Amino acid sequence: MGNNTSPLESLAAFTIAFVAGIVTTAALSGYISWVKKSKSEV
């Protein structure tokens, strides 16, 4: 069996994974800053 995936499908998969990584990093960064802010108020 050969590889039948097109280059566009590979690019789309890479783009989805890259954007998901960016969103995850932004969310985690925001959460960490929120936790630090909450701890400083206590």
C-alpha atoms as a PDB file:
ATOM      1  CA  MET A   1       0.000   0.000   0.000  1.00  0.00           C
ATOM      2  CA  GLY A   2       1.331   3.377  -0.980  1.00  0.00           C
ATOM      3  CA  ASN A   3       0.979   6.699   0.755  1.00  0.00           C
ATOM      4  CA  ASN A   4      -2.054   8.445  -0.741  1.00  0.00           C
ATOM      5  CA  THR A   5      -2.103  11.633   1.334  1.00  0.00           C
ATOM      6  CA  SER A   6      -1.783  14.853  -0.587  1.00  0.00           C
ATOM      7  CA  PRO A   7       0.660  17.595   0.409  1.00  0.00           C
ATOM      8  CA  LEU A   8      -2.298  19.854   1.218  1.00  0.00           C
ATOM      9  CA  GLU A   9      -3.642  17.338   3.699  1.00  0.00           C
ATOM     10  CA  SER A  10      -0.256  17.177   5.391  1.00  0.00           C
ATOM     11  CA  LEU A  11      -0.056  20.967   5.488  1.00  0.00           C
ATOM     12  CA  ALA A  12      -3.576  21.203   6.919  1.00  0.00           C
ATOM     13  CA  ALA A  13      -2.738  18.682   9.642  1.00  0.00           C
ATOM     14  CA  PHE A  14       0.444  20.564  10.532  1.00  0.00           C
ATOM     15  CA  THR A  15      -1.447  23.879  10.607  1.00  0.00           C
ATOM     16  CA  ILE A  16      -4.141  22.478  12.898  1.00  0.00           C
ATOM     17  CA  ALA A  17      -1.535  21.077  15.288  1.00  0.00           C
ATOM     18  CA  PHE A  18       0.463  24.338  15.245  1.00  0.00           C
ATOM     19  CA  VAL A  19      -2.609  26.492  15.967  1.00  0.00           C
ATOM     20  CA  ALA A  20      -3.684  24.108  18.732  1.00  0.00           C
ATOM     21  CA  GLY A  21      -0.245  24.491  20.300  1.00  0.00           C
ATOM     22  CA  ILE A  22      -0.476  28.270  20.157  1.00  0.00           C
ATOM     23  CA  VAL A  23      -3.951  28.255  21.739  1.00  0.00           C
ATOM     24  CA  THR A  24      -2.807  25.864  24.467  1.00  0.00           C
ATOM     25  CA  THR A  25       0.258  27.978  25.236  1.00  0.00           C
ATOM     26  CA  ALA A  26      -1.815  31.166  25.426  1.00  0.00           C
ATOM     27  CA  ALA A  27      -4.408  29.526  27.673  1.00  0.00           C
ATOM     28  CA  LEU A  28      -1.780  28.076  29.995  1.00  0.00           C
ATOM     29  CA  SER A  29       0.057  31.389  30.175  1.00  0.00           C
ATOM     30  CA  GLY A  30      -3.159  33.217  31.037  1.00  0.00           C
ATOM     31  CA  TYR A  31      -4.026  30.645  33.681  1.00  0.00           C
ATOM     32  CA  ILE A  32      -0.584  30.886  35.276  1.00  0.00           C
ATOM     33  CA  SER A  33      -0.790  34.679  35.442  1.00  0.00           C
ATOM     34  CA  TRP A  34      -4.315  34.414  36.918  1.00  0.00           C
ATOM     35  CA  VAL A  35      -3.074  32.001  39.605  1.00  0.00           C
ATOM     36  CA  LYS A  36      -0.150  34.291  40.456  1.00  0.00           C
ATOM     37  CA  LYS A  37      -2.513  37.274  40.669  1.00  0.00           C
ATOM     38  CA  SER A  38      -4.912  35.338  42.894  1.00  0.00           C
ATOM     39  CA  LYS A  39      -2.126  34.249  45.234  1.00  0.00           C
ATOM     40  CA  SER A  40      -0.812  37.788  45.606  1.00  0.00           C
ATOM     41  CA  GLU A  41      -4.255  39.029  46.723  1.00  0.00           C
ATOM     42  CA  VAL A  42      -4.438  36.521  49.582  1.00  0.00           C
END
